Amino acid sequence: MAIVLPTILMLLFTYVFGGAIQSDGGYVDYVVPGIILLCAGYGAASTAVDVANDMTAGIIDRFRTMPMRASAVITGHVVASLLRNLVATAVVIGVGIAVGFRPEASLGGWIGVAGLVALYILVITFLFAAIGLAASSPDSANGYGFILMFLPYVSSAFVPVDTMPTWLRWIAEHQPLTPIIETIRGLLLGTGIHGTDSWWALGWCALILAAGVVWSGWLFRRKAGRR
């Protein structure tokens, strides 16, 4: 799902909607950075279900008898999600290149993209882990996590924010994903980063990561009775 669904969406936007949005065929260059974050989000969403399943399946009771840190449970899910989603991101970029995406990034730009994508995956995975801990069952964790999947659609992922109605444009401009997407877009296309987008991107990531780590740690100690 983490690979197939974002790929289908990229093909849909490129071949079905792309001609109407940008008739010169260059829309794929615009849309790939947004698809990258969409891919990371879908891949990390399974963490909420996995964590909720661990909390209800009895495995945590077994972990209590073992000489291990409680944080290792969440850390294991996060590391697995990071590795899995980096591979999925590479596949999605490869598909994008196959359908016409032509990045102009330098070596430093690619390193910056990889670093920012990895940071975003950590952020979203810790957030989904906290949702999984807060949910009463794997099914409810899946439902709560699905709400976060709509954020990329209300950002600059698929269309410029200045094409949106005024009230929606304000939301798109000030939500966390827009500066992250714009930073990735500027690095990949070699157009440079506009204004303070990179600082906003890093700031949002740091803030949400800190909240996710603290929230997930508190919930795990509360539910599992571990320090």
N, C-alpha and C. Protein backbone atom coordinates (compact mmCIF):
# COMPACT_ATOMS: atom_id res chain seq x y z
N MET A 1 0.83 -1.21 0.00
CA MET A 1 0.00 0.00 0.00
C MET A 1 0.86 1.26 0.00
N ALA A 2 1.99 1.22 0.74
CA ALA A 2 2.85 2.40 0.84
C ALA A 2 3.47 2.76 -0.50
N ILE A 3 3.63 1.78 -1.38
CA ILE A 3 4.24 2.02 -2.69
C ILE A 3 3.19 2.14 -3.78
N VAL A 4 2.24 1.21 -3.78
CA VAL A 4 1.28 1.12 -4.88
C VAL A 4 0.33 2.32 -4.91
N LEU A 5 -0.24 2.68 -3.76
CA LEU A 5 -1.23 3.76 -3.76
C LEU A 5 -0.64 5.11 -4.16
N PRO A 6 0.50 5.55 -3.58
CA PRO A 6 1.08 6.81 -4.05
C PRO A 6 1.48 6.77 -5.53
N THR A 7 1.93 5.61 -6.00
CA THR A 7 2.29 5.49 -7.42
C THR A 7 1.07 5.66 -8.30
N ILE A 8 -0.04 5.03 -7.91
CA ILE A 8 -1.29 5.17 -8.67
C ILE A 8 -1.75 6.63 -8.67
N LEU A 9 -1.65 7.29 -7.51
CA LEU A 9 -2.05 8.69 -7.44
C LEU A 9 -1.16 9.56 -8.33
N MET A 10 0.14 9.26 -8.36
CA MET A 10 1.04 10.03 -9.21
C MET A 10 0.67 9.85 -10.68
N LEU A 11 0.38 8.62 -11.09
CA LEU A 11 -0.01 8.37 -12.48
C LEU A 11 -1.35 9.04 -12.78
N LEU A 12 -2.26 9.01 -11.81
CA LEU A 12 -3.58 9.63 -12.00
C LEU A 12 -3.44 11.13 -12.19
N PHE A 13 -2.69 11.79 -11.30
CA PHE A 13 -2.54 13.23 -11.41
C PHE A 13 -1.75 13.63 -12.64
N THR A 14 -0.77 12.80 -13.02
CA THR A 14 0.07 13.14 -14.17
C THR A 14 -0.67 12.99 -15.49
N TYR A 15 -1.37 11.86 -15.67
CA TYR A 15 -1.97 11.56 -16.96
C TYR A 15 -3.44 11.97 -17.08
N VAL A 16 -4.16 12.03 -15.96
CA VAL A 16 -5.59 12.38 -16.03
C VAL A 16 -5.81 13.87 -15.77
N PHE A 17 -5.21 14.39 -14.68
CA PHE A 17 -5.44 15.78 -14.31
C PHE A 17 -4.32 16.71 -14.79
N GLY A 18 -3.14 16.14 -15.05
CA GLY A 18 -1.98 16.98 -15.35
C GLY A 18 -2.15 17.89 -16.54
N GLY A 19 -2.79 17.39 -17.60
CA GLY A 19 -2.98 18.20 -18.80
C GLY A 19 -3.85 19.40 -18.55
N ALA A 20 -4.83 19.27 -17.67
CA ALA A 20 -5.71 20.39 -17.35
C ALA A 20 -5.02 21.40 -16.43
N ILE A 21 -4.13 20.91 -15.57
CA ILE A 21 -3.46 21.79 -14.62
C ILE A 21 -2.28 22.49 -15.26
N GLN A 22 -1.50 21.75 -16.05
CA GLN A 22 -0.32 22.31 -16.71
C GLN A 22 -0.19 21.64 -18.07
N SER A 23 -0.62 22.32 -19.10
CA SER A 23 -0.78 21.71 -20.42
C SER A 23 0.54 21.37 -21.11
N ASP A 24 1.68 21.90 -20.64
CA ASP A 24 2.94 21.63 -21.31
C ASP A 24 3.58 20.30 -20.91
N GLY A 25 2.89 19.52 -20.07
CA GLY A 25 3.39 18.21 -19.68
C GLY A 25 4.38 18.22 -18.54
N GLY A 26 4.64 19.39 -17.97
CA GLY A 26 5.62 19.48 -16.89
C GLY A 26 5.04 19.32 -15.50
N TYR A 27 3.77 18.94 -15.42
CA TYR A 27 3.14 18.83 -14.11
C TYR A 27 3.78 17.75 -13.25
N VAL A 28 4.33 16.72 -13.88
CA VAL A 28 4.95 15.64 -13.11
C VAL A 28 6.09 16.18 -12.25
N ASP A 29 6.82 17.18 -12.73
CA ASP A 29 7.89 17.78 -11.94
C ASP A 29 7.35 18.47 -10.69
N TYR A 30 6.16 19.03 -10.82
CA TYR A 30 5.56 19.72 -9.69
C TYR A 30 5.02 18.73 -8.65
N VAL A 31 4.42 17.63 -9.12
CA VAL A 31 3.66 16.77 -8.23
C VAL A 31 4.50 15.75 -7.47
N VAL A 32 5.66 15.36 -8.01
CA VAL A 32 6.45 14.31 -7.37
C VAL A 32 6.84 14.65 -5.92
N PRO A 33 7.30 15.88 -5.60
CA PRO A 33 7.63 16.17 -4.19
C PRO A 33 6.46 15.93 -3.24
N GLY A 34 5.26 16.28 -3.66
CA GLY A 34 4.09 16.03 -2.82
C GLY A 34 3.80 14.55 -2.68
N ILE A 35 3.98 13.79 -3.76
CA ILE A 35 3.76 12.35 -3.72
C ILE A 35 4.75 11.68 -2.78
N ILE A 36 5.97 12.22 -2.70
CA ILE A 36 6.98 11.65 -1.79
C ILE A 36 6.48 11.69 -0.35
N LEU A 37 5.92 12.82 0.08
CA LEU A 37 5.41 12.91 1.44
C LEU A 37 4.16 12.08 1.62
N LEU A 38 3.33 12.00 0.57
CA LEU A 38 2.15 11.15 0.63
C LEU A 38 2.56 9.70 0.83
N CYS A 39 3.59 9.28 0.11
CA CYS A 39 4.13 7.93 0.23
C CYS A 39 4.59 7.66 1.66
N ALA A 40 5.35 8.60 2.23
CA ALA A 40 5.83 8.43 3.60
C ALA A 40 4.68 8.34 4.59
N GLY A 41 3.65 9.13 4.37
CA GLY A 41 2.49 9.10 5.26
C GLY A 41 1.75 7.79 5.22
N TYR A 42 1.51 7.27 4.02
CA TYR A 42 0.81 6.00 3.90
C TYR A 42 1.64 4.87 4.49
N GLY A 43 2.96 4.93 4.28
CA GLY A 43 3.82 3.88 4.83
C GLY A 43 3.87 3.89 6.34
N ALA A 44 3.89 5.09 6.92
CA ALA A 44 3.97 5.20 8.38
C ALA A 44 2.64 4.91 9.05
N ALA A 45 1.54 5.02 8.31
CA ALA A 45 0.22 4.82 8.90
C ALA A 45 0.06 3.43 9.50
N SER A 46 0.73 2.45 8.91
CA SER A 46 0.61 1.08 9.43
C SER A 46 1.19 0.96 10.83
N THR A 47 2.06 1.89 11.22
CA THR A 47 2.65 1.85 12.56
C THR A 47 1.59 1.97 13.63
N ALA A 48 0.58 2.81 13.40
CA ALA A 48 -0.50 2.97 14.38
C ALA A 48 -1.20 1.65 14.62
N VAL A 49 -1.48 0.93 13.54
CA VAL A 49 -2.17 -0.37 13.67
C VAL A 49 -1.25 -1.38 14.34
N ASP A 50 0.03 -1.41 13.97
CA ASP A 50 0.97 -2.36 14.56
C ASP A 50 1.13 -2.13 16.06
N VAL A 51 1.25 -0.88 16.46
CA VAL A 51 1.42 -0.57 17.87
C VAL A 51 0.15 -0.92 18.65
N ALA A 52 -1.01 -0.58 18.10
CA ALA A 52 -2.28 -0.92 18.76
C ALA A 52 -2.43 -2.43 18.89
N ASN A 53 -2.00 -3.15 17.88
CA ASN A 53 -2.08 -4.62 17.93
C ASN A 53 -1.16 -5.17 19.03
N ASP A 54 0.05 -4.60 19.15
CA ASP A 54 0.96 -5.04 20.21
C ASP A 54 0.36 -4.81 21.59
N MET A 55 -0.33 -3.68 21.74
CA MET A 55 -0.88 -3.34 23.05
C MET A 55 -2.07 -4.21 23.44
N THR A 56 -2.70 -4.85 22.46
CA THR A 56 -3.89 -5.66 22.74
C THR A 56 -3.65 -7.15 22.60
N ALA A 57 -2.50 -7.56 22.06
CA ALA A 57 -2.27 -8.98 21.77
C ALA A 57 -1.54 -9.72 22.88
N GLY A 58 -1.11 -9.01 23.92
CA GLY A 58 -0.47 -9.66 25.05
C GLY A 58 1.04 -9.71 25.00
N ILE A 59 1.64 -9.27 23.90
CA ILE A 59 3.10 -9.35 23.80
C ILE A 59 3.80 -8.41 24.77
N ILE A 60 3.13 -7.30 25.12
CA ILE A 60 3.73 -6.36 26.07
C ILE A 60 3.89 -7.01 27.45
N ASP A 61 2.94 -7.88 27.82
CA ASP A 61 3.06 -8.59 29.10
C ASP A 61 4.32 -9.46 29.11
N ARG A 62 4.66 -10.05 27.98
CA ARG A 62 5.88 -10.85 27.90
C ARG A 62 7.11 -9.96 28.00
N PHE A 63 7.04 -8.78 27.36
CA PHE A 63 8.18 -7.87 27.41
C PHE A 63 8.47 -7.39 28.84
N ARG A 64 7.43 -7.34 29.67
CA ARG A 64 7.62 -6.87 31.04
C ARG A 64 8.57 -7.77 31.82
N THR A 65 8.63 -9.04 31.46
CA THR A 65 9.47 -10.00 32.18
C THR A 65 10.90 -10.03 31.64
N MET A 66 11.16 -9.25 30.58
CA MET A 66 12.48 -9.29 29.94
C MET A 66 13.30 -8.06 30.33
N PRO A 67 14.63 -8.22 30.39
CA PRO A 67 15.51 -7.09 30.74
C PRO A 67 15.72 -6.15 29.55
N MET A 68 14.70 -5.38 29.23
CA MET A 68 14.77 -4.46 28.10
C MET A 68 14.11 -3.15 28.47
N ARG A 69 14.54 -2.10 27.82
CA ARG A 69 13.94 -0.79 28.06
C ARG A 69 12.58 -0.72 27.39
N ALA A 70 11.65 -0.07 28.06
CA ALA A 70 10.31 0.05 27.50
C ALA A 70 10.34 0.81 26.17
N SER A 71 11.25 1.77 26.05
CA SER A 71 11.31 2.58 24.83
C SER A 71 11.70 1.76 23.61
N ALA A 72 12.28 0.56 23.83
CA ALA A 72 12.70 -0.27 22.70
C ALA A 72 11.51 -0.72 21.85
N VAL A 73 10.34 -0.84 22.45
CA VAL A 73 9.16 -1.28 21.70
C VAL A 73 8.80 -0.25 20.64
N ILE A 74 8.68 1.00 21.04
CA ILE A 74 8.33 2.06 20.09
C ILE A 74 9.49 2.31 19.13
N THR A 75 10.72 2.30 19.66
CA THR A 75 11.87 2.53 18.80
C THR A 75 11.97 1.50 17.69
N GLY A 76 11.66 0.25 18.00
CA GLY A 76 11.68 -0.80 16.98
C GLY A 76 10.71 -0.53 15.85
N HIS A 77 9.50 -0.10 16.21
CA HIS A 77 8.52 0.24 15.17
C HIS A 77 9.00 1.43 14.33
N VAL A 78 9.59 2.41 14.98
CA VAL A 78 10.04 3.61 14.26
C VAL A 78 11.17 3.28 13.29
N VAL A 79 12.14 2.51 13.74
CA VAL A 79 13.27 2.14 12.87
C VAL A 79 12.79 1.33 11.68
N ALA A 80 11.89 0.38 11.93
CA ALA A 80 11.35 -0.44 10.83
C ALA A 80 10.60 0.43 9.82
N SER A 81 9.82 1.38 10.32
CA SER A 81 9.08 2.28 9.44
C SER A 81 10.03 3.14 8.62
N LEU A 82 11.09 3.64 9.26
CA LEU A 82 12.06 4.49 8.56
C LEU A 82 12.71 3.74 7.40
N LEU A 83 13.19 2.53 7.66
CA LEU A 83 13.85 1.75 6.60
C LEU A 83 12.87 1.39 5.49
N ARG A 84 11.68 0.95 5.87
CA ARG A 84 10.68 0.55 4.89
C ARG A 84 10.26 1.72 4.00
N ASN A 85 10.09 2.87 4.61
CA ASN A 85 9.59 4.02 3.85
C ASN A 85 10.66 4.69 3.02
N LEU A 86 11.92 4.59 3.42
CA LEU A 86 12.98 5.11 2.57
C LEU A 86 13.07 4.30 1.27
N VAL A 87 12.90 2.98 1.39
CA VAL A 87 12.88 2.13 0.19
C VAL A 87 11.68 2.48 -0.67
N ALA A 88 10.50 2.65 -0.04
CA ALA A 88 9.29 2.99 -0.79
C ALA A 88 9.45 4.34 -1.49
N THR A 89 10.09 5.30 -0.83
CA THR A 89 10.31 6.62 -1.43
C THR A 89 11.20 6.51 -2.66
N ALA A 90 12.26 5.70 -2.56
CA ALA A 90 13.16 5.51 -3.70
C ALA A 90 12.42 4.90 -4.88
N VAL A 91 11.52 3.95 -4.60
CA VAL A 91 10.74 3.33 -5.68
C VAL A 91 9.83 4.36 -6.34
N VAL A 92 9.17 5.18 -5.53
CA VAL A 92 8.26 6.19 -6.07
C VAL A 92 9.01 7.21 -6.92
N ILE A 93 10.19 7.63 -6.48
CA ILE A 93 10.99 8.55 -7.29
C ILE A 93 11.40 7.89 -8.60
N GLY A 94 11.75 6.60 -8.54
CA GLY A 94 12.10 5.88 -9.75
C GLY A 94 10.95 5.82 -10.73
N VAL A 95 9.74 5.57 -10.24
CA VAL A 95 8.56 5.56 -11.10
C VAL A 95 8.33 6.95 -11.68
N GLY A 96 8.53 7.98 -10.86
CA GLY A 96 8.37 9.34 -11.35
C GLY A 96 9.32 9.64 -12.50
N ILE A 97 10.57 9.23 -12.36
CA ILE A 97 11.54 9.44 -13.44
C ILE A 97 11.11 8.69 -14.70
N ALA A 98 10.53 7.50 -14.51
CA ALA A 98 10.08 6.71 -15.66
C ALA A 98 8.95 7.38 -16.43
N VAL A 99 8.14 8.20 -15.73
CA VAL A 99 7.01 8.85 -16.40
C VAL A 99 7.30 10.31 -16.75
N GLY A 100 8.58 10.72 -16.61
CA GLY A 100 8.94 12.05 -17.09
C GLY A 100 9.49 13.02 -16.07
N PHE A 101 9.59 12.63 -14.81
CA PHE A 101 10.15 13.52 -13.80
C PHE A 101 11.63 13.71 -14.06
N ARG A 102 12.08 14.97 -14.10
CA ARG A 102 13.48 15.27 -14.41
C ARG A 102 14.07 16.19 -13.33
N PRO A 103 14.55 15.60 -12.23
CA PRO A 103 15.15 16.42 -11.17
C PRO A 103 16.45 17.05 -11.61
N GLU A 104 16.73 18.25 -11.10
CA GLU A 104 17.95 18.97 -11.41
C GLU A 104 18.82 19.14 -10.17
N ALA A 105 18.59 18.30 -9.16
CA ALA A 105 19.28 18.47 -7.88
C ALA A 105 20.76 18.12 -7.99
N SER A 106 21.56 18.87 -7.26
CA SER A 106 22.98 18.56 -7.13
C SER A 106 23.14 17.45 -6.09
N LEU A 107 24.37 17.00 -5.88
CA LEU A 107 24.62 15.97 -4.86
C LEU A 107 24.18 16.48 -3.49
N GLY A 108 24.51 17.73 -3.20
CA GLY A 108 24.08 18.31 -1.93
C GLY A 108 22.57 18.39 -1.82
N GLY A 109 21.91 18.66 -2.95
CA GLY A 109 20.46 18.71 -2.95
C GLY A 109 19.84 17.36 -2.65
N TRP A 110 20.39 16.30 -3.26
CA TRP A 110 19.89 14.95 -2.99
C TRP A 110 20.10 14.56 -1.53
N ILE A 111 21.25 14.93 -0.98
CA ILE A 111 21.51 14.64 0.43
C ILE A 111 20.51 15.39 1.32
N GLY A 112 20.23 16.64 0.96
CA GLY A 112 19.25 17.41 1.72
C GLY A 112 17.86 16.81 1.64
N VAL A 113 17.47 16.35 0.45
CA VAL A 113 16.16 15.71 0.28
C VAL A 113 16.09 14.44 1.12
N ALA A 114 17.14 13.61 1.04
CA ALA A 114 17.15 12.36 1.81
C ALA A 114 17.05 12.64 3.30
N GLY A 115 17.78 13.65 3.78
CA GLY A 115 17.75 13.98 5.19
C GLY A 115 16.39 14.48 5.64
N LEU A 116 15.78 15.36 4.83
CA LEU A 116 14.49 15.92 5.21
C LEU A 116 13.39 14.86 5.14
N VAL A 117 13.43 14.00 4.13
CA VAL A 117 12.44 12.92 4.03
C VAL A 117 12.58 11.97 5.21
N ALA A 118 13.82 11.61 5.56
CA ALA A 118 14.03 10.73 6.71
C ALA A 118 13.52 11.37 8.00
N LEU A 119 13.77 12.67 8.16
CA LEU A 119 13.27 13.38 9.34
C LEU A 119 11.76 13.38 9.37
N TYR A 120 11.13 13.62 8.21
CA TYR A 120 9.67 13.62 8.16
C TYR A 120 9.11 12.24 8.49
N ILE A 121 9.76 11.18 8.01
CA ILE A 121 9.30 9.83 8.32
C ILE A 121 9.37 9.58 9.82
N LEU A 122 10.45 10.03 10.47
CA LEU A 122 10.55 9.90 11.93
C LEU A 122 9.40 10.64 12.62
N VAL A 123 9.15 11.85 12.15
CA VAL A 123 8.09 12.67 12.75
C VAL A 123 6.73 11.98 12.64
N ILE A 124 6.38 11.59 11.43
CA ILE A 124 5.05 11.03 11.20
C ILE A 124 4.90 9.65 11.85
N THR A 125 6.02 8.89 11.93
CA THR A 125 5.95 7.57 12.55
C THR A 125 5.73 7.68 14.05
N PHE A 126 6.45 8.59 14.72
CA PHE A 126 6.23 8.77 16.16
C PHE A 126 4.80 9.25 16.42
N LEU A 127 4.28 10.09 15.54
CA LEU A 127 2.91 10.55 15.70
C LEU A 127 1.92 9.40 15.55
N PHE A 128 2.14 8.56 14.55
CA PHE A 128 1.26 7.40 14.36
C PHE A 128 1.41 6.40 15.50
N ALA A 129 2.63 6.26 16.03
CA ALA A 129 2.82 5.36 17.16
C ALA A 129 2.01 5.83 18.36
N ALA A 130 2.01 7.14 18.60
CA ALA A 130 1.22 7.69 19.70
C ALA A 130 -0.27 7.46 19.47
N ILE A 131 -0.71 7.60 18.22
CA ILE A 131 -2.12 7.34 17.90
C ILE A 131 -2.46 5.88 18.17
N GLY A 132 -1.54 4.97 17.80
CA GLY A 132 -1.77 3.55 18.07
C GLY A 132 -1.87 3.25 19.55
N LEU A 133 -1.06 3.95 20.36
CA LEU A 133 -1.12 3.76 21.81
C LEU A 133 -2.40 4.34 22.41
N ALA A 134 -2.87 5.45 21.85
CA ALA A 134 -4.06 6.10 22.37
C ALA A 134 -5.34 5.36 21.97
N ALA A 135 -5.30 4.63 20.86
CA ALA A 135 -6.49 3.95 20.36
C ALA A 135 -6.82 2.73 21.21
N SER A 136 -8.08 2.38 21.22
CA SER A 136 -8.53 1.23 22.02
C SER A 136 -8.40 -0.08 21.27
N SER A 137 -8.20 -0.03 19.95
CA SER A 137 -8.09 -1.25 19.16
C SER A 137 -7.37 -0.93 17.85
N PRO A 138 -6.86 -1.95 17.15
CA PRO A 138 -6.22 -1.71 15.86
C PRO A 138 -7.14 -1.04 14.85
N ASP A 139 -8.43 -1.40 14.87
CA ASP A 139 -9.38 -0.80 13.92
C ASP A 139 -9.55 0.69 14.17
N SER A 140 -9.66 1.08 15.43
CA SER A 140 -9.82 2.51 15.72
C SER A 140 -8.52 3.25 15.43
N ALA A 141 -7.37 2.62 15.64
CA ALA A 141 -6.10 3.25 15.30
C ALA A 141 -6.01 3.54 13.82
N ASN A 142 -6.50 2.61 13.02
CA ASN A 142 -6.52 2.80 11.57
C ASN A 142 -7.41 3.98 11.18
N GLY A 143 -8.55 4.11 11.84
CA GLY A 143 -9.46 5.20 11.55
C GLY A 143 -8.92 6.55 11.95
N TYR A 144 -8.32 6.64 13.16
CA TYR A 144 -7.76 7.90 13.61
C TYR A 144 -6.58 8.33 12.74
N GLY A 145 -5.74 7.37 12.37
CA GLY A 145 -4.58 7.69 11.55
C GLY A 145 -4.96 8.16 10.16
N PHE A 146 -6.08 7.68 9.66
CA PHE A 146 -6.50 8.03 8.31
C PHE A 146 -6.77 9.52 8.17
N ILE A 147 -7.13 10.18 9.28
CA ILE A 147 -7.40 11.62 9.25
C ILE A 147 -6.16 12.39 8.80
N LEU A 148 -4.97 11.95 9.22
CA LEU A 148 -3.74 12.65 8.86
C LEU A 148 -3.42 12.53 7.38
N MET A 149 -4.02 11.54 6.71
CA MET A 149 -3.74 11.34 5.30
C MET A 149 -4.30 12.45 4.42
N PHE A 150 -5.21 13.27 4.98
CA PHE A 150 -5.80 14.35 4.19
C PHE A 150 -4.93 15.62 4.17
N LEU A 151 -3.97 15.72 5.08
CA LEU A 151 -3.17 16.94 5.15
C LEU A 151 -2.44 17.29 3.85
N PRO A 152 -1.83 16.32 3.14
CA PRO A 152 -1.14 16.69 1.90
C PRO A 152 -2.06 17.31 0.85
N TYR A 153 -3.35 16.98 0.89
CA TYR A 153 -4.26 17.51 -0.12
C TYR A 153 -4.59 18.98 0.13
N VAL A 154 -4.42 19.44 1.38
CA VAL A 154 -4.65 20.84 1.70
C VAL A 154 -3.30 21.51 1.90
N SER A 155 -2.46 21.42 0.90
CA SER A 155 -1.13 22.00 0.92
C SER A 155 -0.73 22.32 -0.51
N SER A 156 0.55 22.59 -0.71
CA SER A 156 1.02 22.86 -2.07
C SER A 156 1.47 21.60 -2.79
N ALA A 157 1.04 20.43 -2.31
CA ALA A 157 1.48 19.17 -2.89
C ALA A 157 1.04 19.00 -4.33
N PHE A 158 -0.20 19.39 -4.64
CA PHE A 158 -0.77 19.10 -5.95
C PHE A 158 -1.07 20.34 -6.78
N VAL A 159 -1.32 21.46 -6.11
CA VAL A 159 -1.56 22.72 -6.83
C VAL A 159 -0.95 23.86 -6.02
N PRO A 160 -0.55 24.96 -6.67
CA PRO A 160 -0.05 26.12 -5.92
C PRO A 160 -1.12 26.65 -4.98
N VAL A 161 -0.72 27.08 -3.80
CA VAL A 161 -1.70 27.52 -2.82
C VAL A 161 -2.41 28.80 -3.25
N ASP A 162 -1.80 29.59 -4.15
CA ASP A 162 -2.45 30.83 -4.56
C ASP A 162 -3.63 30.59 -5.51
N THR A 163 -3.87 29.35 -5.89
CA THR A 163 -5.05 29.03 -6.71
C THR A 163 -6.26 28.67 -5.84
N MET A 164 -6.06 28.58 -4.53
CA MET A 164 -7.13 28.17 -3.62
C MET A 164 -7.94 29.38 -3.16
N PRO A 165 -9.17 29.15 -2.68
CA PRO A 165 -9.94 30.25 -2.07
C PRO A 165 -9.16 30.86 -0.91
N THR A 166 -9.45 32.12 -0.60
CA THR A 166 -8.66 32.85 0.39
C THR A 166 -8.61 32.14 1.73
N TRP A 167 -9.76 31.65 2.22
CA TRP A 167 -9.78 31.01 3.54
C TRP A 167 -8.99 29.71 3.55
N LEU A 168 -9.04 28.96 2.45
CA LEU A 168 -8.32 27.71 2.37
C LEU A 168 -6.82 27.94 2.12
N ARG A 169 -6.52 29.02 1.39
CA ARG A 169 -5.12 29.36 1.12
C ARG A 169 -4.39 29.64 2.42
N TRP A 170 -5.04 30.32 3.36
CA TRP A 170 -4.40 30.62 4.64
C TRP A 170 -4.05 29.34 5.38
N ILE A 171 -4.95 28.37 5.36
CA ILE A 171 -4.69 27.08 6.01
C ILE A 171 -3.53 26.37 5.33
N ALA A 172 -3.55 26.34 4.00
CA ALA A 172 -2.51 25.65 3.25
C ALA A 172 -1.14 26.28 3.47
N GLU A 173 -1.10 27.59 3.56
CA GLU A 173 0.18 28.29 3.73
C GLU A 173 0.77 28.08 5.12
N HIS A 174 -0.08 27.87 6.12
CA HIS A 174 0.41 27.83 7.49
C HIS A 174 0.37 26.44 8.12
N GLN A 175 0.05 25.42 7.36
CA GLN A 175 0.10 24.07 7.90
C GLN A 175 1.51 23.50 7.70
N PRO A 176 1.90 22.49 8.47
CA PRO A 176 3.30 22.02 8.46
C PRO A 176 3.80 21.47 7.14
N LEU A 177 2.95 20.82 6.34
CA LEU A 177 3.46 20.12 5.17
C LEU A 177 3.88 21.04 4.03
N THR A 178 3.27 22.21 3.91
CA THR A 178 3.60 23.09 2.79
C THR A 178 5.07 23.50 2.77
N PRO A 179 5.66 24.00 3.87
CA PRO A 179 7.09 24.35 3.79
C PRO A 179 7.99 23.13 3.57
N ILE A 180 7.58 21.97 4.08
CA ILE A 180 8.38 20.75 3.85
C ILE A 180 8.37 20.40 2.37
N ILE A 181 7.18 20.44 1.76
CA ILE A 181 7.06 20.12 0.33
C ILE A 181 7.81 21.13 -0.52
N GLU A 182 7.68 22.41 -0.19
CA GLU A 182 8.36 23.44 -0.97
C GLU A 182 9.88 23.33 -0.85
N THR A 183 10.37 22.92 0.30
CA THR A 183 11.81 22.72 0.47
C THR A 183 12.29 21.55 -0.38
N ILE A 184 11.55 20.45 -0.34
CA ILE A 184 11.91 19.28 -1.17
C ILE A 184 11.83 19.63 -2.64
N ARG A 185 10.81 20.37 -3.02
CA ARG A 185 10.64 20.76 -4.44
C ARG A 185 11.80 21.63 -4.90
N GLY A 186 12.18 22.60 -4.09
CA GLY A 186 13.28 23.48 -4.46
C GLY A 186 14.59 22.74 -4.59
N LEU A 187 14.83 21.75 -3.70
CA LEU A 187 16.06 20.97 -3.77
C LEU A 187 16.07 20.04 -4.97
N LEU A 188 14.95 19.37 -5.23
CA LEU A 188 14.90 18.41 -6.33
C LEU A 188 14.98 19.09 -7.69
N LEU A 189 14.28 20.20 -7.85
CA LEU A 189 14.23 20.87 -9.14
C LEU A 189 15.38 21.85 -9.34
N GLY A 190 16.19 22.06 -8.30
CA GLY A 190 17.32 22.96 -8.42
C GLY A 190 16.93 24.42 -8.54
N THR A 191 15.71 24.76 -8.10
CA THR A 191 15.24 26.13 -8.21
C THR A 191 15.57 26.96 -6.97
N GLY A 192 16.13 26.32 -5.98
CA GLY A 192 16.44 27.03 -4.74
C GLY A 192 15.25 27.04 -3.79
N ILE A 193 15.52 27.33 -2.54
CA ILE A 193 14.48 27.34 -1.51
C ILE A 193 14.04 28.78 -1.30
N HIS A 194 12.74 29.00 -1.36
CA HIS A 194 12.19 30.34 -1.26
C HIS A 194 12.07 30.78 0.20
N GLY A 195 12.57 31.95 0.47
CA GLY A 195 12.39 32.57 1.78
C GLY A 195 12.85 31.70 2.93
N THR A 196 11.96 31.55 3.89
CA THR A 196 12.29 30.80 5.11
C THR A 196 11.65 29.42 5.13
N ASP A 197 11.31 28.87 3.96
CA ASP A 197 10.63 27.57 3.90
C ASP A 197 11.42 26.48 4.62
N SER A 198 12.74 26.46 4.40
CA SER A 198 13.54 25.39 5.01
C SER A 198 13.53 25.48 6.54
N TRP A 199 13.58 26.71 7.06
CA TRP A 199 13.56 26.87 8.51
C TRP A 199 12.22 26.50 9.09
N TRP A 200 11.14 26.87 8.40
CA TRP A 200 9.82 26.45 8.84
C TRP A 200 9.67 24.94 8.79
N ALA A 201 10.22 24.33 7.73
CA ALA A 201 10.14 22.87 7.59
C ALA A 201 10.85 22.17 8.76
N LEU A 202 12.06 22.61 9.06
CA LEU A 202 12.81 22.01 10.16
C LEU A 202 12.15 22.31 11.50
N GLY A 203 11.64 23.52 11.65
CA GLY A 203 10.99 23.89 12.90
C GLY A 203 9.74 23.06 13.17
N TRP A 204 8.90 22.90 12.14
CA TRP A 204 7.70 22.08 12.29
C TRP A 204 8.07 20.64 12.61
N CYS A 205 9.07 20.11 11.90
CA CYS A 205 9.48 18.73 12.14
C CYS A 205 9.98 18.54 13.57
N ALA A 206 10.80 19.47 14.05
CA ALA A 206 11.33 19.38 15.41
C ALA A 206 10.21 19.45 16.44
N LEU A 207 9.28 20.36 16.23
CA LEU A 207 8.18 20.54 17.18
C LEU A 207 7.28 19.30 17.24
N ILE A 208 6.89 18.79 16.08
CA ILE A 208 5.99 17.63 16.04
C ILE A 208 6.71 16.38 16.51
N LEU A 209 8.00 16.25 16.17
CA LEU A 209 8.76 15.10 16.65
C LEU A 209 8.85 15.08 18.16
N ALA A 210 9.14 16.22 18.75
CA ALA A 210 9.21 16.30 20.21
C ALA A 210 7.87 15.94 20.84
N ALA A 211 6.78 16.47 20.26
CA ALA A 211 5.45 16.15 20.78
C ALA A 211 5.14 14.67 20.65
N GLY A 212 5.50 14.08 19.49
CA GLY A 212 5.23 12.66 19.27
C GLY A 212 6.02 11.77 20.21
N VAL A 213 7.30 12.11 20.44
CA VAL A 213 8.14 11.31 21.34
C VAL A 213 7.61 11.38 22.76
N VAL A 214 7.30 12.58 23.23
CA VAL A 214 6.81 12.74 24.59
C VAL A 214 5.45 12.07 24.76
N TRP A 215 4.55 12.28 23.81
CA TRP A 215 3.20 11.70 23.89
C TRP A 215 3.26 10.18 23.87
N SER A 216 4.00 9.61 22.92
CA SER A 216 4.08 8.16 22.82
C SER A 216 4.74 7.55 24.06
N GLY A 217 5.80 8.20 24.57
CA GLY A 217 6.46 7.69 25.77
C GLY A 217 5.54 7.70 26.97
N TRP A 218 4.78 8.78 27.14
CA TRP A 218 3.85 8.89 28.27
C TRP A 218 2.74 7.84 28.16
N LEU A 219 2.20 7.67 26.97
CA LEU A 219 1.12 6.71 26.78
C LEU A 219 1.62 5.28 27.01
N PHE A 220 2.83 4.98 26.54
CA PHE A 220 3.34 3.63 26.71
C PHE A 220 3.56 3.31 28.19
N ARG A 221 4.16 4.26 28.92
CA ARG A 221 4.37 4.02 30.36
C ARG A 221 3.05 3.87 31.08
N ARG A 222 2.06 4.61 30.66
CA ARG A 222 0.75 4.58 31.32
C ARG A 222 0.04 3.26 31.03
N LYS A 223 0.13 2.78 29.78
CA LYS A 223 -0.60 1.56 29.42
C LYS A 223 0.16 0.28 29.76
N ALA A 224 1.48 0.31 29.62
CA ALA A 224 2.27 -0.89 29.82
C ALA A 224 2.86 -0.99 31.23
N GLY A 225 2.80 0.11 31.96
CA GLY A 225 3.33 0.09 33.31
C GLY A 225 4.83 -0.07 33.37
N ARG A 226 5.54 0.46 32.34
CA ARG A 226 7.01 0.35 32.26
C ARG A 226 7.64 1.73 32.33
N ARG A 227 8.85 1.79 32.83
CA ARG A 227 9.63 3.02 32.90
C ARG A 227 10.73 2.99 31.86
